[in-house]
Amino acid sequence: MAILETWMKLTSVNDETLGVKLRISRAHASRLRRRKCLPSRELAKRLEAETKIPAEKFIFDERAA
């Protein structure tokens, strides 16, 4: 399971809520959660601020399929 998806399940955050917090669409949040796309550096930093997970984990762990 992708690190973002795991965090979202543990914190009960859904795609829509994450999208609002990160200033992205719900659809983009879903693609990030499912690892269909990778975040930009800027977005990875916003993810880090929100989740407290290092930005590098979102970019380099489990490449998008």
Protein backbone atom coordinates (compact mmCIF):
# COMPACT_ATOMS: atom_id res chain seq x y z
CA MET A 1 0.00 0.00 0.00
CA ALA A 2 1.28 3.45 -0.86
CA ILE A 3 2.47 5.62 2.01
CA LEU A 4 -0.08 8.37 1.32
CA GLU A 5 -2.96 5.90 1.19
CA THR A 6 -1.82 4.40 4.49
CA TRP A 7 -1.64 7.84 6.13
CA MET A 8 -5.07 8.75 4.78
CA LYS A 9 -6.62 5.58 6.21
CA LEU A 10 -4.97 6.07 9.60
CA THR A 11 -6.11 9.69 9.83
CA SER A 12 -9.52 9.22 8.18
CA VAL A 13 -8.75 11.82 5.51
CA ASN A 14 -10.51 11.37 2.17
CA ASP A 15 -9.50 12.59 -1.30
CA GLU A 16 -11.74 15.65 -1.14
CA THR A 17 -10.40 16.80 2.23
CA LEU A 18 -6.81 16.23 1.16
CA GLY A 19 -7.44 18.15 -2.03
CA VAL A 20 -8.74 21.15 -0.12
CA LYS A 21 -5.80 21.10 2.29
CA LEU A 22 -3.25 20.85 -0.55
CA ARG A 23 -5.10 23.20 -2.93
CA ILE A 24 -5.52 20.49 -5.59
CA SER A 25 -8.56 18.78 -7.09
CA ARG A 26 -10.16 15.73 -5.50
CA ALA A 27 -9.27 13.80 -8.66
CA HIS A 28 -5.60 14.75 -8.39
CA ALA A 29 -5.58 13.74 -4.71
CA SER A 30 -7.02 10.38 -5.77
CA ARG A 31 -4.32 9.91 -8.41
CA LEU A 32 -1.62 10.71 -5.86
CA ARG A 33 -3.13 8.30 -3.31
CA ARG A 34 -3.28 5.50 -5.89
CA ARG A 35 0.24 6.32 -7.21
CA LYS A 36 -1.08 6.97 -10.71
CA CYS A 37 1.03 10.14 -10.76
CA LEU A 38 3.85 11.59 -8.70
CA PRO A 39 3.75 14.99 -7.00
CA SER A 40 5.86 17.93 -8.10
CA ARG A 41 8.55 19.04 -5.66
CA GLU A 42 6.33 21.87 -4.47
CA LEU A 43 3.37 19.55 -3.92
CA ALA A 44 5.60 16.98 -2.18
CA LYS A 45 6.63 19.73 0.25
CA ARG A 46 2.98 20.57 0.91
CA LEU A 47 2.30 16.86 1.49
CA GLU A 48 5.20 16.79 3.93
CA ALA A 49 3.81 19.78 5.84
CA GLU A 50 0.39 18.12 6.05
CA THR A 51 1.43 14.53 6.81
CA LYS A 52 4.82 14.99 8.54
CA ILE A 53 6.17 12.34 6.11
CA PRO A 54 9.40 13.41 4.32
CA ALA A 55 8.71 14.80 0.82
CA GLU A 56 11.25 12.38 -0.68
CA LYS A 57 9.01 9.45 0.28
CA PHE A 58 6.29 10.72 -2.04
CA ILE A 59 8.68 11.19 -4.95
CA PHE A 60 11.11 8.27 -4.68
CA ASP A 61 9.24 5.45 -2.91
CA GLU A 62 7.10 3.10 -5.02
CA ARG A 63 7.25 4.70 -8.45
CA ALA A 64 3.91 5.39 -10.12
CA ALA A 65 2.62 2.68 -12.40
